C-alpha cells in the first residue's frame, strides 16, 4: 500500500516528529511505502507533491491541530487521528488504513 501522511502538533516540536517516525517505522514493518510531511515549528518539511498524493492509496493525518493545505486531500481516502491516541496505540490507525484502502475515493475515517 502507498501511504502519504501529515503530522502536526500544537507546539510543532517533539510530538510532530515522534508521530512521523512511528508512522514510517510501522508502515515499513508492514511492507508499505510511506512519505510523511511534518508541519512543525520549522514550517512544512518533506512537503507532499500533487503526484505523491494522487498516487497514494490512502492518506493519514496524525495531528492535534488543523493542518495547512488540507484541501489537497478532499478526494482521497483519509484516516485522521490525534497524536496522543496514535502514539499510545498506532494499531488502530493501521487497521483503519487497511479497511479504507478499498473504499470509494473521498471516504474519511476519524479516530
Protein backbone atom coordinates (compact mmCIF):
# COMPACT_ATOMS: atom_id res chain seq x y z
CA UNK A 1 0.00 0.00 0.00
CA UNK A 2 1.23 3.51 -0.82
CA UNK A 3 0.60 5.88 2.07
CA UNK A 4 1.15 9.62 2.39
CA UNK A 5 0.72 11.40 5.67
CA UNK A 6 0.96 14.64 7.59
CA UNK A 7 1.82 15.10 11.24
CA UNK A 8 1.37 18.27 13.30
CA UNK A 9 1.05 19.11 16.99
CA UNK A 10 0.24 22.24 18.97
CA UNK A 11 3.83 23.24 19.66
CA UNK A 12 5.20 21.81 16.42
CA UNK A 13 8.17 20.20 18.07
CA UNK A 14 8.62 16.75 19.59
CA UNK A 15 5.26 15.06 19.01
CA UNK A 16 5.12 16.08 15.34
CA UNK A 17 8.39 14.28 14.66
CA UNK A 18 7.71 11.37 17.03
CA UNK A 19 4.46 10.64 15.20
CA UNK A 20 6.16 10.88 11.78
CA UNK A 21 8.90 8.49 12.87
CA UNK A 22 6.40 5.99 14.28
CA UNK A 23 4.28 6.16 11.10
CA UNK A 24 7.33 5.44 8.98
CA UNK A 25 8.54 2.61 11.21
CA UNK A 26 5.15 0.84 11.42
CA UNK A 27 4.42 1.26 7.70
CA UNK A 28 7.77 -0.11 6.61
CA UNK A 29 7.46 -3.02 9.04
CA UNK A 30 4.09 -3.88 7.44
CA UNK A 31 5.61 -3.70 3.95
CA UNK A 32 4.00 -0.41 2.90
CA UNK A 33 5.67 2.62 1.34
CA UNK A 34 5.10 5.92 3.10
CA UNK A 35 6.05 9.56 2.80
CA UNK A 36 5.30 11.86 5.73
CA UNK A 37 5.11 15.65 5.65
CA UNK A 38 5.73 17.30 9.02
CA UNK A 39 4.19 20.64 9.86
CA UNK A 40 6.23 21.76 12.83
CA UNK A 41 7.93 24.76 14.34
CA UNK A 42 10.22 24.92 11.29
CA UNK A 43 7.25 25.03 8.90
CA UNK A 44 6.40 22.25 6.47
CA UNK A 45 9.15 19.74 5.83
CA UNK A 46 9.15 16.95 3.26
CA UNK A 47 6.14 18.53 1.53
CA UNK A 48 3.90 16.14 -0.38
CA UNK A 49 3.63 16.82 -4.09
CA UNK A 50 0.36 16.62 -6.00
CA UNK A 51 1.69 13.48 -7.77
CA UNK A 52 2.52 11.79 -4.46
CA UNK A 53 -0.98 12.46 -3.19
CA UNK A 54 -2.64 11.35 -6.44
CA UNK A 55 -0.66 8.09 -6.49
CA UNK A 56 -1.29 7.22 -2.83
CA UNK A 57 -3.76 4.51 -1.88
CA UNK A 58 -4.55 6.28 1.40
CA UNK A 59 -3.76 9.42 3.37
CA UNK A 60 -3.19 9.54 7.10
CA UNK A 61 -3.27 12.74 9.12
CA UNK A 62 -1.98 12.50 12.68
CA UNK A 63 -2.50 15.93 14.16
CA UNK A 64 -3.83 17.85 17.12
CA UNK A 65 -4.36 20.99 15.03
CA UNK A 66 -5.78 21.81 11.63
CA UNK A 67 -3.08 21.19 9.07
CA UNK A 68 -2.14 23.60 6.32
CA UNK A 69 -3.25 22.56 2.86
CA UNK A 70 -5.90 20.08 3.99
CA UNK A 71 -7.87 20.77 0.79
CA UNK A 72 -5.22 18.71 -1.06
CA UNK A 73 -6.80 15.59 0.42
CA UNK A 74 -10.51 16.24 -0.19
CA UNK A 75 -10.86 13.48 -2.82
CA UNK A 76 -8.59 10.99 -1.02
CA UNK A 77 -9.28 8.04 1.23
CA UNK A 78 -8.29 9.57 4.55
CA UNK A 79 -7.74 8.42 8.13
CA UNK A 80 -7.35 11.09 10.80
CA UNK A 81 -6.20 10.58 14.39
CA UNK A 82 -4.89 12.70 17.23
CA UNK A 83 -1.21 12.49 18.01
CA UNK A 84 -1.88 11.40 21.59
CA UNK A 85 -4.09 8.49 20.52
CA UNK A 86 -1.69 7.47 17.75
CA UNK A 87 1.39 7.48 19.97
CA UNK A 88 -0.42 5.40 22.62
CA UNK A 89 -1.62 2.78 20.13
CA UNK A 90 -0.78 3.08 16.43
CA UNK A 91 -2.53 -0.22 15.72
CA UNK A 92 -5.95 1.44 15.35
CA UNK A 93 -4.67 3.79 12.67
CA UNK A 94 -3.12 0.99 10.63
CA UNK A 95 -6.27 -1.14 10.96
CA UNK A 96 -8.29 1.82 9.65
CA UNK A 97 -5.85 2.29 6.75
CA UNK A 98 -6.28 -1.36 5.76
CA UNK A 99 -10.06 -1.01 5.99
CA UNK A 100 -10.29 2.20 3.97
CA UNK A 101 -7.86 1.29 1.19
CA UNK A 102 -10.63 -0.38 -0.87
CA UNK A 103 -13.32 2.18 -0.02
CA UNK A 104 -14.57 4.69 -2.57
CA UNK A 105 -12.45 7.83 -3.05
CA UNK A 106 -13.17 10.66 -0.59
CA UNK A 107 -14.01 8.21 2.21
CA UNK A 108 -12.95 9.56 5.61
CA UNK A 109 -12.38 7.86 8.97
CA UNK A 110 -11.75 9.85 12.14
CA UNK A 111 -10.38 8.03 15.16
